[in-house]
Amino acid sequence: MSIVLRRSLLRLLSGAGVTAGLSAAGGALADEPPSFVLTIKDHRFEPAELVVPANTKIKLVVRNLDPTPEEFESVSLRREKVIPGRGEGVVYIGPLSPGRYDMFGDFNPKTARGFIVAQ
């Protein structure tokens, strides 16, 4: 597409108020933090040690494959969220300094244990 055609198209769309919507939608996608998945299965976290980038806000998707609910909890991250049986939840974390952060399942603390490692 030529630059002249692009400019004409942008003028046409901006006159219709469409570019503002496109910019907002594009900006929302660009602002989405990186996503990581943590699974609960047999009352255990998989992986038990999840490595994430340091100094970056992340989206943690917690999927519970067990039929019973579990509460994702981390004292060091100051986060807790009940994840329904056979359901999922989202927890936003960070940005984190480099280090290891504990996590556990509050309903099954002896088996649902692990760490989030920011590096």
PDB file of N, CA and C in Angstrom:
ATOM      1  N   MET A   1       0.858  -1.174   0.000  1.00  0.00           N
ATOM      2  CA  MET A   1       0.000   0.000   0.000  1.00  0.00           C
ATOM      3  C   MET A   1       0.903   1.235   0.000  1.00  0.00           C
ATOM      4  N   SER A   2       0.614   2.182  -0.873  1.00  0.00           N
ATOM      5  CA  SER A   2       1.446   3.387  -0.968  1.00  0.00           C
ATOM      6  C   SER A   2       1.205   4.290   0.234  1.00  0.00           C
ATOM      7  N   ILE A   3       2.163   5.145   0.489  1.00  0.00           N
ATOM      8  CA  ILE A   3       2.054   6.065   1.619  1.00  0.00           C
ATOM      9  C   ILE A   3       0.896   7.041   1.419  1.00  0.00           C
ATOM     10  N   VAL A   4       0.661   7.445   0.203  1.00  0.00           N
ATOM     11  CA  VAL A   4      -0.442   8.363  -0.097  1.00  0.00           C
ATOM     12  C   VAL A   4      -1.777   7.679   0.203  1.00  0.00           C
ATOM     13  N   LEU A   5      -1.899   6.430  -0.223  1.00  0.00           N
ATOM     14  CA  LEU A   5      -3.124   5.679   0.022  1.00  0.00           C
ATOM     15  C   LEU A   5      -3.331   5.470   1.523  1.00  0.00           C
ATOM     16  N   ARG A   6      -2.247   5.155   2.247  1.00  0.00           N
ATOM     17  CA  ARG A   6      -2.344   4.966   3.699  1.00  0.00           C
ATOM     18  C   ARG A   6      -2.822   6.227   4.388  1.00  0.00           C
ATOM     19  N   ARG A   7      -2.214   7.360   4.018  1.00  0.00           N
ATOM     20  CA  ARG A   7      -2.618   8.631   4.642  1.00  0.00           C
ATOM     21  C   ARG A   7      -4.084   8.944   4.346  1.00  0.00           C
ATOM     22  N   SER A   8      -4.510   8.701   3.119  1.00  0.00           N
ATOM     23  CA  SER A   8      -5.910   8.944   2.754  1.00  0.00           C
ATOM     24  C   SER A   8      -6.842   8.056   3.573  1.00  0.00           C
ATOM     25  N   LEU A   9      -6.448   6.797   3.719  1.00  0.00           N
ATOM     26  CA  LEU A   9      -7.256   5.863   4.497  1.00  0.00           C
ATOM     27  C   LEU A   9      -7.312   6.286   5.964  1.00  0.00           C
ATOM     28  N   LEU A  10      -6.180   6.708   6.523  1.00  0.00           N
ATOM     29  CA  LEU A  10      -6.161   7.165   7.918  1.00  0.00           C
ATOM     30  C   LEU A  10      -7.029   8.403   8.107  1.00  0.00           C
ATOM     31  N   ARG A  11      -6.982   9.336   7.162  1.00  0.00           N
ATOM     32  CA  ARG A  11      -7.836  10.531   7.253  1.00  0.00           C
ATOM     33  C   ARG A  11      -9.316  10.150   7.223  1.00  0.00           C
ATOM     34  N   LEU A  12      -9.637   9.252   6.335  1.00  0.00           N
ATOM     35  CA  LEU A  12     -11.015   8.800   6.204  1.00  0.00           C
ATOM     36  C   LEU A  12     -11.480   8.134   7.503  1.00  0.00           C
ATOM     37  N   LEU A  13     -10.656   7.235   8.030  1.00  0.00           N
ATOM     38  CA  LEU A  13     -11.029   6.537   9.261  1.00  0.00           C
ATOM     39  C   LEU A  13     -11.077   7.466  10.461  1.00  0.00           C
ATOM     40  N   SER A  14     -10.120   8.391  10.572  1.00  0.00           N
ATOM     41  CA  SER A  14     -10.119   9.295  11.718  1.00  0.00           C
ATOM     42  C   SER A  14     -11.322  10.219  11.668  1.00  0.00           C
ATOM     43  N   GLY A  15     -11.746  10.587  10.466  1.00  0.00           N
ATOM     44  CA  GLY A  15     -12.944  11.405  10.335  1.00  0.00           C
ATOM     45  C   GLY A  15     -14.172  10.658  10.812  1.00  0.00           C
ATOM     46  N   ALA A  16     -14.158   9.357  10.703  1.00  0.00           N
ATOM     47  CA  ALA A  16     -15.291   8.545  11.145  1.00  0.00           C
ATOM     48  C   ALA A  16     -15.152   8.141  12.611  1.00  0.00           C
ATOM     49  N   GLY A  17     -14.036   8.540  13.244  1.00  0.00           N
ATOM     50  CA  GLY A  17     -13.836   8.182  14.652  1.00  0.00           C
ATOM     51  C   GLY A  17     -13.402   6.748  14.852  1.00  0.00           C
ATOM     52  N   VAL A  18     -12.971   6.085  13.799  1.00  0.00           N
ATOM     53  CA  VAL A  18     -12.611   4.671  13.893  1.00  0.00           C
ATOM     54  C   VAL A  18     -11.198   4.484  14.427  1.00  0.00           C
ATOM     55  N   THR A  19     -10.269   5.372  14.085  1.00  0.00           N
ATOM     56  CA  THR A  19      -8.880   5.153  14.490  1.00  0.00           C
ATOM     57  C   THR A  19      -8.727   5.188  16.010  1.00  0.00           C
ATOM     58  N   ALA A  20      -9.529   5.992  16.693  1.00  0.00           N
ATOM     59  CA  ALA A  20      -9.420   6.029  18.149  1.00  0.00           C
ATOM     60  C   ALA A  20      -9.739   4.662  18.732  1.00  0.00           C
ATOM     61  N   GLY A  21     -10.747   4.021  18.208  1.00  0.00           N
ATOM     62  CA  GLY A  21     -11.086   2.682  18.678  1.00  0.00           C
ATOM     63  C   GLY A  21     -10.014   1.670  18.344  1.00  0.00           C
ATOM     64  N   LEU A  22      -9.442   1.798  17.131  1.00  0.00           N
ATOM     65  CA  LEU A  22      -8.380   0.879  16.742  1.00  0.00           C
ATOM     66  C   LEU A  22      -7.144   1.094  17.602  1.00  0.00           C
ATOM     67  N   SER A  23      -6.811   2.344  17.889  1.00  0.00           N
ATOM     68  CA  SER A  23      -5.641   2.624  18.712  1.00  0.00           C
ATOM     69  C   SER A  23      -5.841   2.097  20.119  1.00  0.00           C
ATOM     70  N   ALA A  24      -7.033   2.291  20.670  1.00  0.00           N
ATOM     71  CA  ALA A  24      -7.298   1.814  22.018  1.00  0.00           C
ATOM     72  C   ALA A  24      -7.217   0.298  22.075  1.00  0.00           C
ATOM     73  N   ALA A  25      -7.758  -0.370  21.085  1.00  0.00           N
ATOM     74  CA  ALA A  25      -7.707  -1.830  21.072  1.00  0.00           C
ATOM     75  C   ALA A  25      -6.280  -2.311  20.895  1.00  0.00           C
ATOM     76  N   GLY A  26      -5.538  -1.675  20.001  1.00  0.00           N
ATOM     77  CA  GLY A  26      -4.145  -2.058  19.791  1.00  0.00           C
ATOM     78  C   GLY A  26      -3.311  -1.798  21.021  1.00  0.00           C
ATOM     79  N   GLY A  27      -3.572  -0.685  21.703  1.00  0.00           N
ATOM     80  CA  GLY A  27      -2.836  -0.364  22.921  1.00  0.00           C
ATOM     81  C   GLY A  27      -3.130  -1.352  24.029  1.00  0.00           C
ATOM     82  N   ALA A  28      -4.371  -1.802  24.141  1.00  0.00           N
ATOM     83  CA  ALA A  28      -4.735  -2.756  25.186  1.00  0.00           C
ATOM     84  C   ALA A  28      -3.997  -4.069  24.982  1.00  0.00           C
ATOM     85  N   LEU A  29      -3.877  -4.497  23.723  1.00  0.00           N
ATOM     86  CA  LEU A  29      -3.161  -5.739  23.462  1.00  0.00           C
ATOM     87  C   LEU A  29      -1.675  -5.572  23.739  1.00  0.00           C
ATOM     88  N   ALA A  30      -1.127  -4.436  23.384  1.00  0.00           N
ATOM     89  CA  ALA A  30       0.297  -4.209  23.580  1.00  0.00           C
ATOM     90  C   ALA A  30       0.631  -4.105  25.068  1.00  0.00           C
ATOM     91  N   ASP A  31      -0.297  -3.652  25.884  1.00  0.00           N
ATOM     92  CA  ASP A  31      -0.057  -3.483  27.316  1.00  0.00           C
ATOM     93  C   ASP A  31      -0.257  -4.764  28.107  1.00  0.00           C
ATOM     94  N   GLU A  32      -0.746  -5.818  27.498  1.00  0.00           N
ATOM     95  CA  GLU A  32      -0.998  -7.081  28.198  1.00  0.00           C
ATOM     96  C   GLU A  32       0.333  -7.679  28.651  1.00  0.00           C
ATOM     97  N   PRO A  33       0.469  -7.965  29.967  1.00  0.00           N
ATOM     98  CA  PRO A  33       1.742  -8.540  30.434  1.00  0.00           C
ATOM     99  C   PRO A  33       1.919  -9.976  29.953  1.00  0.00           C
ATOM    100  N   PRO A  34       3.162 -10.476  29.969  1.00  0.00           N
ATOM    101  CA  PRO A  34       3.379 -11.869  29.571  1.00  0.00           C
ATOM    102  C   PRO A  34       2.604 -12.807  30.484  1.00  0.00           C
ATOM    103  N   SER A  35       2.115 -13.889  29.911  1.00  0.00           N
ATOM    104  CA  SER A  35       1.257 -14.823  30.624  1.00  0.00           C
ATOM    105  C   SER A  35       1.992 -16.132  30.903  1.00  0.00           C
ATOM    106  N   PHE A  36       1.782 -16.671  32.111  1.00  0.00           N
ATOM    107  CA  PHE A  36       2.361 -17.946  32.522  1.00  0.00           C
ATOM    108  C   PHE A  36       1.252 -18.797  33.116  1.00  0.00           C
ATOM    109  N   VAL A  37       1.342 -20.114  32.940  1.00  0.00           N
ATOM    110  CA  VAL A  37       0.309 -21.024  33.421  1.00  0.00           C
ATOM    111  C   VAL A  37       0.868 -21.874  34.553  1.00  0.00           C
ATOM    112  N   LEU A  38       0.106 -21.937  35.627  1.00  0.00           N
ATOM    113  CA  LEU A  38       0.406 -22.798  36.766  1.00  0.00           C
ATOM    114  C   LEU A  38      -0.787 -23.728  36.920  1.00  0.00           C
ATOM    115  N   THR A  39      -0.521 -25.021  36.963  1.00  0.00           N
ATOM    116  CA  THR A  39      -1.599 -26.007  37.037  1.00  0.00           C
ATOM    117  C   THR A  39      -1.627 -26.639  38.419  1.00  0.00           C
ATOM    118  N   ILE A  40      -2.831 -26.886  38.915  1.00  0.00           N
ATOM    119  CA  ILE A  40      -3.015 -27.647  40.151  1.00  0.00           C
ATOM    120  C   ILE A  40      -3.585 -28.997  39.746  1.00  0.00           C
ATOM    121  N   LYS A  41      -2.861 -30.059  40.095  1.00  0.00           N
ATOM    122  CA  LYS A  41      -3.297 -31.414  39.761  1.00  0.00           C
ATOM    123  C   LYS A  41      -2.883 -32.326  40.908  1.00  0.00           C
ATOM    124  N   ASP A  42      -3.824 -33.133  41.396  1.00  0.00           N
ATOM    125  CA  ASP A  42      -3.573 -34.008  42.545  1.00  0.00           C
ATOM    126  C   ASP A  42      -3.074 -33.201  43.735  1.00  0.00           C
ATOM    127  N   HIS A  43      -3.631 -32.013  43.916  1.00  0.00           N
ATOM    128  CA  HIS A  43      -3.304 -31.107  45.026  1.00  0.00           C
ATOM    129  C   HIS A  43      -1.831 -30.722  45.037  1.00  0.00           C
ATOM    130  N   ARG A  44      -1.230 -30.587  43.849  1.00  0.00           N
ATOM    131  CA  ARG A  44       0.168 -30.167  43.695  1.00  0.00           C
ATOM    132  C   ARG A  44       0.250 -29.134  42.573  1.00  0.00           C
ATOM    133  N   PHE A  45       1.211 -28.226  42.706  1.00  0.00           N
ATOM    134  CA  PHE A  45       1.462 -27.247  41.649  1.00  0.00           C
ATOM    135  C   PHE A  45       2.363 -27.853  40.586  1.00  0.00           C
ATOM    136  N   GLU A  46       2.031 -27.596  39.331  1.00  0.00           N
ATOM    137  CA  GLU A  46       2.868 -28.011  38.203  1.00  0.00           C
ATOM    138  C   GLU A  46       3.059 -26.804  37.299  1.00  0.00           C
ATOM    139  N   PRO A  47       4.261 -26.323  37.118  1.00  0.00           N
ATOM    140  CA  PRO A  47       5.488 -26.796  37.725  1.00  0.00           C
ATOM    141  C   PRO A  47       5.585 -26.332  39.182  1.00  0.00           C
ATOM    142  N   ALA A  48       6.347 -27.063  39.965  1.00  0.00           N
ATOM    143  CA  ALA A  48       6.536 -26.697  41.374  1.00  0.00           C
ATOM    144  C   ALA A  48       7.438 -25.473  41.494  1.00  0.00           C
ATOM    145  N   GLU A  49       8.224 -25.210  40.457  1.00  0.00           N
ATOM    146  CA  GLU A  49       9.070 -24.018  40.420  1.00  0.00           C
ATOM    147  C   GLU A  49       8.867 -23.354  39.068  1.00  0.00           C
ATOM    148  N   LEU A  50       8.216 -22.212  39.095  1.00  0.00           N
ATOM    149  CA  LEU A  50       7.887 -21.480  37.870  1.00  0.00           C
ATOM    150  C   LEU A  50       8.846 -20.307  37.713  1.00  0.00           C
ATOM    151  N   VAL A  51       9.600 -20.292  36.627  1.00  0.00           N
ATOM    152  CA  VAL A  51      10.562 -19.218  36.371  1.00  0.00           C
ATOM    153  C   VAL A  51       9.899 -18.143  35.517  1.00  0.00           C
ATOM    154  N   VAL A  52       9.997 -16.889  35.991  1.00  0.00           N
ATOM    155  CA  VAL A  52       9.397 -15.746  35.306  1.00  0.00           C
ATOM    156  C   VAL A  52      10.456 -14.653  35.175  1.00  0.00           C
ATOM    157  N   PRO A  53      10.253 -13.700  34.271  1.00  0.00           N
ATOM    158  CA  PRO A  53      11.236 -12.614  34.147  1.00  0.00           C
ATOM    159  C   PRO A  53      11.163 -11.654  35.329  1.00  0.00           C
ATOM    160  N   ALA A  54      12.332 -11.259  35.823  1.00  0.00           N
ATOM    161  CA  ALA A  54      12.391 -10.271  36.902  1.00  0.00           C
ATOM    162  C   ALA A  54      12.032  -8.893  36.354  1.00  0.00           C
ATOM    163  N   ASN A  55      11.592  -8.026  37.234  1.00  0.00           N
ATOM    164  CA  ASN A  55      11.287  -6.626  36.907  1.00  0.00           C
ATOM    165  C   ASN A  55      10.223  -6.474  35.830  1.00  0.00           C
ATOM    166  N   THR A  56       9.314  -7.456  35.754  1.00  0.00           N
ATOM    167  CA  THR A  56       8.246  -7.457  34.750  1.00  0.00           C
ATOM    168  C   THR A  56       6.939  -7.885  35.406  1.00  0.00           C
ATOM    169  N   LYS A  57       5.895  -7.128  35.174  1.00  0.00           N
ATOM    170  CA  LYS A  57       4.576  -7.551  35.639  1.00  0.00           C
ATOM    171  C   LYS A  57       4.154  -8.751  34.804  1.00  0.00           C
ATOM    172  N   ILE A  58       3.572  -9.772  35.455  1.00  0.00           N
ATOM    173  CA  ILE A  58       3.134 -10.966  34.721  1.00  0.00           C
ATOM    174  C   ILE A  58       1.677 -11.281  35.037  1.00  0.00           C
ATOM    175  N   LYS A  59       1.086 -12.012  34.128  1.00  0.00           N
ATOM    176  CA  LYS A  59      -0.263 -12.543  34.304  1.00  0.00           C
ATOM    177  C   LYS A  59      -0.096 -14.036  34.578  1.00  0.00           C
ATOM    178  N   LEU A  60      -0.508 -14.471  35.765  1.00  0.00           N
ATOM    179  CA  LEU A  60      -0.407 -15.879  36.142  1.00  0.00           C
ATOM    180  C   LEU A  60      -1.798 -16.499  36.034  1.00  0.00           C
ATOM    181  N   VAL A  61      -1.942 -17.447  35.113  1.00  0.00           N
ATOM    182  CA  VAL A  61      -3.198 -18.171  34.947  1.00  0.00           C
ATOM    183  C   VAL A  61      -3.069 -19.455  35.752  1.00  0.00           C
ATOM    184  N   VAL A  62      -3.928 -19.609  36.755  1.00  0.00           N
ATOM    185  CA  VAL A  62      -3.893 -20.791  37.616  1.00  0.00           C
ATOM    186  C   VAL A  62      -5.053 -21.691  37.221  1.00  0.00           C
ATOM    187  N   ARG A  63      -4.726 -22.881  36.712  1.00  0.00           N
ATOM    188  CA  ARG A  63      -5.739 -23.852  36.270  1.00  0.00           C
ATOM    189  C   ARG A  63      -5.820 -24.976  37.296  1.00  0.00           C
ATOM    190  N   ASN A  64      -7.000 -25.203  37.809  1.00  0.00           N
ATOM    191  CA  ASN A  64      -7.217 -26.259  38.795  1.00  0.00           C
ATOM    192  C   ASN A  64      -7.881 -27.447  38.097  1.00  0.00           C
ATOM    193  N   LEU A  65      -7.111 -28.518  37.912  1.00  0.00           N
ATOM    194  CA  LEU A  65      -7.649 -29.718  37.265  1.00  0.00           C
ATOM    195  C   LEU A  65      -8.341 -30.642  38.258  1.00  0.00           C
ATOM    196  N   ASP A  66      -8.186 -30.374  39.549  1.00  0.00           N
ATOM    197  CA  ASP A  66      -8.835 -31.192  40.583  1.00  0.00           C
ATOM    198  C   ASP A  66     -10.318 -30.840  40.684  1.00  0.00           C
ATOM    199  N   PRO A  67     -11.138 -31.776  41.187  1.00  0.00           N
ATOM    200  CA  PRO A  67     -12.570 -31.494  41.317  1.00  0.00           C
ATOM    201  C   PRO A  67     -12.896 -30.576  42.504  1.00  0.00           C
ATOM    202  N   THR A  68     -11.949 -30.394  43.411  1.00  0.00           N
ATOM    203  CA  THR A  68     -12.183 -29.567  44.598  1.00  0.00           C
ATOM    204  C   THR A  68     -11.480 -28.218  44.461  1.00  0.00           C
ATOM    205  N   PRO A  69     -11.993 -27.195  45.121  1.00  0.00           N
ATOM    206  CA  PRO A  69     -11.343 -25.879  45.022  1.00  0.00           C
ATOM    207  C   PRO A  69      -9.997 -25.873  45.739  1.00  0.00           C
ATOM    208  N   GLU A  70      -9.172 -24.926  45.349  1.00  0.00           N
ATOM    209  CA  GLU A  70      -7.883 -24.701  46.008  1.00  0.00           C
ATOM    210  C   GLU A  70      -7.654 -23.204  46.077  1.00  0.00           C
ATOM    211  N   GLU A  71      -6.977 -22.760  47.124  1.00  0.00           N
ATOM    212  CA  GLU A  71      -6.651 -21.344  47.237  1.00  0.00           C
ATOM    213  C   GLU A  71      -5.169 -21.158  46.955  1.00  0.00           C
ATOM    214  N   PHE A  72      -4.861 -20.477  45.845  1.00  0.00           N
ATOM    215  CA  PHE A  72      -3.488 -20.099  45.562  1.00  0.00           C
ATOM    216  C   PHE A  72      -3.136 -19.010  46.554  1.00  0.00           C
ATOM    217  N   GLU A  73      -2.029 -19.199  47.277  1.00  0.00           N
ATOM    218  CA  GLU A  73      -1.629 -18.198  48.261  1.00  0.00           C
ATOM    219  C   GLU A  73      -0.119 -18.046  48.276  1.00  0.00           C
ATOM    220  N   SER A  74       0.316 -16.813  48.476  1.00  0.00           N
ATOM    221  CA  SER A  74       1.730 -16.507  48.631  1.00  0.00           C
ATOM    222  C   SER A  74       1.854 -15.330  49.593  1.00  0.00           C
ATOM    223  N   VAL A  75       2.478 -15.585  50.725  1.00  0.00           N
ATOM    224  CA  VAL A  75       2.700 -14.526  51.703  1.00  0.00           C
ATOM    225  C   VAL A  75       3.721 -13.539  51.151  1.00  0.00           C
ATOM    226  N   SER A  76       4.805 -14.057  50.549  1.00  0.00           N
ATOM    227  CA  SER A  76       5.863 -13.178  50.041  1.00  0.00           C
ATOM    228  C   SER A  76       5.396 -12.318  48.858  1.00  0.00           C
ATOM    229  N   LEU A  77       4.421 -12.810  48.094  1.00  0.00           N
ATOM    230  CA  LEU A  77       3.871 -12.032  46.972  1.00  0.00           C
ATOM    231  C   LEU A  77       2.650 -11.210  47.376  1.00  0.00           C
ATOM    232  N   ARG A  78       2.141 -11.504  48.572  1.00  0.00           N
ATOM    233  CA  ARG A  78       0.925 -10.860  49.084  1.00  0.00           C
ATOM    234  C   ARG A  78      -0.258 -11.046  48.126  1.00  0.00           C
ATOM    235  N   ARG A  79      -0.467 -12.304  47.736  1.00  0.00           N
ATOM    236  CA  ARG A  79      -1.565 -12.658  46.830  1.00  0.00           C
ATOM    237  C   ARG A  79      -2.276 -13.903  47.342  1.00  0.00           C
ATOM    238  N   GLU A  80      -3.573 -13.934  47.148  1.00  0.00           N
ATOM    239  CA  GLU A  80      -4.362 -15.137  47.407  1.00  0.00           C
ATOM    240  C   GLU A  80      -5.597 -15.100  46.528  1.00  0.00           C
ATOM    241  N   LYS A  81      -5.964 -16.282  46.044  1.00  0.00           N
ATOM    242  CA  LYS A  81      -7.136 -16.366  45.169  1.00  0.00           C
ATOM    243  C   LYS A  81      -7.664 -17.792  45.194  1.00  0.00           C
ATOM    244  N   VAL A  82      -8.956 -17.922  45.439  1.00  0.00           N
ATOM    245  CA  VAL A  82      -9.592 -19.240  45.408  1.00  0.00           C
ATOM    246  C   VAL A  82      -9.850 -19.608  43.953  1.00  0.00           C
ATOM    247  N   ILE A  83      -9.388 -20.808  43.592  1.00  0.00           N
ATOM    248  CA  ILE A  83      -9.583 -21.316  42.237  1.00  0.00           C
ATOM    249  C   ILE A  83     -10.583 -22.470  42.332  1.00  0.00           C
ATOM    250  N   PRO A  84     -11.744 -22.356  41.710  1.00  0.00           N
ATOM    251  CA  PRO A  84     -12.745 -23.421  41.820  1.00  0.00           C
ATOM    252  C   PRO A  84     -12.261 -24.738  41.215  1.00  0.00           C
ATOM    253  N   GLY A  85     -12.836 -25.827  41.693  1.00  0.00           N
ATOM    254  CA  GLY A  85     -12.529 -27.129  41.109  1.00  0.00           C
ATOM    255  C   GLY A  85     -12.841 -27.128  39.623  1.00  0.00           C
ATOM    256  N   ARG A  86     -11.921 -27.660  38.837  1.00  0.00           N
ATOM    257  CA  ARG A  86     -12.021 -27.714  37.380  1.00  0.00           C
ATOM    258  C   ARG A  86     -12.227 -26.325  36.762  1.00  0.00           C
ATOM    259  N   GLY A  87     -11.634 -25.329  37.425  1.00  0.00           N
ATOM    260  CA  GLY A  87     -11.751 -23.954  36.942  1.00  0.00           C
ATOM    261  C   GLY A  87     -10.394 -23.300  36.862  1.00  0.00           C
ATOM    262  N   GLU A  88     -10.420 -22.002  36.600  1.00  0.00           N
ATOM    263  CA  GLU A  88      -9.161 -21.268  36.540  1.00  0.00           C
ATOM    264  C   GLU A  88      -9.373 -19.850  37.024  1.00  0.00           C
ATOM    265  N   GLY A  89      -8.273 -19.235  37.394  1.00  0.00           N
ATOM    266  CA  GLY A  89      -8.288 -17.856  37.848  1.00  0.00           C
ATOM    267  C   GLY A  89      -7.028 -17.159  37.381  1.00  0.00           C
ATOM    268  N   VAL A  90      -7.050 -15.835  37.436  1.00  0.00           N
ATOM    269  CA  VAL A  90      -5.907 -15.029  37.010  1.00  0.00           C
ATOM    270  C   VAL A  90      -5.419 -14.217  38.198  1.00  0.00           C
ATOM    271  N   VAL A  91      -4.086 -14.216  38.363  1.00  0.00           N
ATOM    272  CA  VAL A  91      -3.438 -13.432  39.408  1.00  0.00           C
ATOM    273  C   VAL A  91      -2.353 -12.609  38.724  1.00  0.00           C
ATOM    274  N   TYR A  92      -2.394 -11.295  38.902  1.00  0.00           N
ATOM    275  CA  TYR A  92      -1.347 -10.429  38.363  1.00  0.00           C
ATOM    276  C   TYR A  92      -0.286 -10.243  39.439  1.00  0.00           C
ATOM    277  N   ILE A  93       0.984 -10.401  39.038  1.00  0.00           N
ATOM    278  CA  ILE A  93       2.097 -10.355  39.974  1.00  0.00           C
ATOM    279  C   ILE A  93       3.186  -9.444  39.416  1.00  0.00           C
ATOM    280  N   GLY A  94       3.827  -8.717  40.315  1.00  0.00           N
ATOM    281  CA  GLY A  94       5.026  -7.975  39.956  1.00  0.00           C
ATOM    282  C   GLY A  94       4.758  -6.539  39.620  1.00  0.00           C
ATOM    283  N   PRO A  95       5.830  -5.945  39.111  1.00  0.00           N
ATOM    284  CA  PRO A  95       7.137  -6.476  38.770  1.00  0.00           C
ATOM    285  C   PRO A  95       7.882  -6.977  40.016  1.00  0.00           C
ATOM    286  N   LEU A  96       8.586  -8.096  39.867  1.00  0.00           N
ATOM    287  CA  LEU A  96       9.297  -8.730  40.972  1.00  0.00           C
ATOM    288  C   LEU A  96      10.792  -8.497  40.860  1.00  0.00           C
ATOM    289  N   SER A  97      11.425  -8.248  41.990  1.00  0.00           N
ATOM    290  CA  SER A  97      12.882  -8.227  42.037  1.00  0.00           C
ATOM    291  C   SER A  97      13.368  -9.664  41.881  1.00  0.00           C
ATOM    292  N   PRO A  98      14.587  -9.863  41.387  1.00  0.00           N
ATOM    293  CA  PRO A  98      15.103 -11.228  41.292  1.00  0.00           C
ATOM    294  C   PRO A  98      15.048 -11.937  42.646  1.00  0.00           C
ATOM    295  N   GLY A  99      14.603 -13.201  42.623  1.00  0.00           N
ATOM    296  CA  GLY A  99      14.518 -13.974  43.867  1.00  0.00           C
ATOM    297  C   GLY A  99      13.512 -15.096  43.770  1.00  0.00           C
ATOM    298  N   ARG A 100      13.364 -15.823  44.904  1.00  0.00           N
ATOM    299  CA  ARG A 100      12.407 -16.939  45.017  1.00  0.00           C
ATOM    300  C   ARG A 100      11.260 -16.516  45.919  1.00  0.00           C
ATOM    301  N   TYR A 101      10.054 -16.759  45.463  1.00  0.00           N
ATOM    302  CA  TYR A 101       8.855 -16.383  46.193  1.00  0.00           C
ATOM    303  C   TYR A 101       8.023 -17.639  46.422  1.00  0.00           C
ATOM    304  N   ASP A 102       7.680 -17.879  47.676  1.00  0.00           N
ATOM    305  CA  ASP A 102       6.923 -19.090  48.012  1.00  0.00           C
ATOM    306  C   ASP A 102       5.479 -18.987  47.553  1.00  0.00           C
ATOM    307  N   MET A 103       4.881 -20.136  47.295  1.00  0.00           N
ATOM    308  CA  MET A 103       3.439 -20.231  47.003  1.00  0.00           C
ATOM    309  C   MET A 103       2.957 -21.548  47.589  1.00  0.00           C
ATOM    310  N   PHE A 104       1.689 -21.574  47.976  1.00  0.00           N
ATOM    311  CA  PHE A 104       1.120 -22.804  48.510  1.00  0.00           C
ATOM    312  C   PHE A 104      -0.382 -22.802  48.306  1.00  0.00           C
ATOM    313  N   GLY A 105      -0.947 -23.991  48.379  1.00  0.00           N
ATOM    314  CA  GLY A 105      -2.389 -24.132  48.321  1.00  0.00           C
ATOM    315  C   GLY A 105      -2.905 -24.123  49.753  1.00  0.00           C
ATOM    316  N   ASP A 106      -3.679 -23.142  50.093  1.00  0.00           N
ATOM    317  CA  ASP A 106      -4.129 -22.991  51.482  1.00  0.00           C
ATOM    318  C   ASP A 106      -5.027 -24.143  51.926  1.00  0.00           C
ATOM    319  N   PHE A 107      -5.716 -24.796  50.990  1.00  0.00           N
ATOM    320  CA  PHE A 107      -6.593 -25.910  51.366  1.00  0.00           C
ATOM    321  C   PHE A 107      -5.832 -27.235  51.465  1.00  0.00           C
ATOM    322  N   ASN A 108      -4.655 -27.319  50.842  1.00  0.00           N
ATOM    323  CA  ASN A 108      -3.809 -28.527  50.870  1.00  0.00           C
ATOM    324  C   ASN A 108      -2.345 -28.113  51.034  1.00  0.00           C
ATOM    325  N   PRO A 109      -1.990 -27.467  52.152  1.00  0.00           N
ATOM    326  CA  PRO A 109      -0.654 -26.884  52.286  1.00  0.00           C
ATOM    327  C   PRO A 109       0.492 -27.893  52.366  1.00  0.00           C
ATOM    328  N   LYS A 110       0.193 -29.140  52.693  1.00  0.00           N
ATOM    329  CA  LYS A 110       1.270 -30.136  52.768  1.00  0.00           C
ATOM    330  C   LYS A 110       1.728 -30.595  51.388  1.00  0.00           C
ATOM    331  N   THR A 111       0.837 -30.594  50.414  1.00  0.00           N
ATOM    332  CA  THR A 111       1.207 -31.091  49.083  1.00  0.00           C
ATOM    333  C   THR A 111       1.300 -29.975  48.038  1.00  0.00           C
ATOM    334  N   ALA A 112       0.453 -28.974  48.118  1.00  0.00           N
ATOM    335  CA  ALA A 112       0.452 -27.890  47.129  1.00  0.00           C
ATOM    336  C   ALA A 112       1.437 -26.816  47.583  1.00  0.00           C
ATOM    337  N   ARG A 113       2.704 -27.005  47.210  1.00  0.00           N
ATOM    338  CA  ARG A 113       3.778 -26.087  47.585  1.00  0.00           C
ATOM    339  C   ARG A 113       4.673 -25.831  46.374  1.00  0.00           C
ATOM    340  N   GLY A 114       5.251 -24.657  46.331  1.00  0.00           N
ATOM    341  CA  GLY A 114       6.171 -24.368  45.249  1.00  0.00           C
ATOM    342  C   GLY A 114       6.752 -22.983  45.350  1.00  0.00           C
ATOM    343  N   PHE A 115       7.412 -22.564  44.252  1.00  0.00           N
ATOM    344  CA  PHE A 115       8.084 -21.268  44.215  1.00  0.00           C
ATOM    345  C   PHE A 115       7.901 -20.627  42.861  1.00  0.00           C
ATOM    346  N   ILE A 116       7.843 -19.311  42.878  1.00  0.00           N
ATOM    347  CA  ILE A 116       7.958 -18.507  41.673  1.00  0.00           C
ATOM    348  C   ILE A 116       9.349 -17.896  41.745  1.00  0.00           C
ATOM    349  N   VAL A 117      10.134 -18.124  40.705  1.00  0.00           N
ATOM    350  CA  VAL A 117      11.516 -17.648  40.669  1.00  0.00           C
ATOM    351  C   VAL A 117      11.622 -16.553  39.615  1.00  0.00           C
ATOM    352  N   ALA A 118      11.946 -15.351  40.081  1.00  0.00           N
ATOM    353  CA  ALA A 118      12.118 -14.222  39.163  1.00  0.00           C
ATOM    354  C   ALA A 118      13.606 -14.072  38.861  1.00  0.00           C
ATOM    355  N   GLN A 119      13.953 -14.129  37.564  1.00  0.00           N
ATOM    356  CA  GLN A 119      15.356 -13.947  37.166  1.00  0.00           C
ATOM    357  C   GLN A 119      15.477 -13.160  35.887  1.00  0.00           C
TER     358      GLN A 119
END
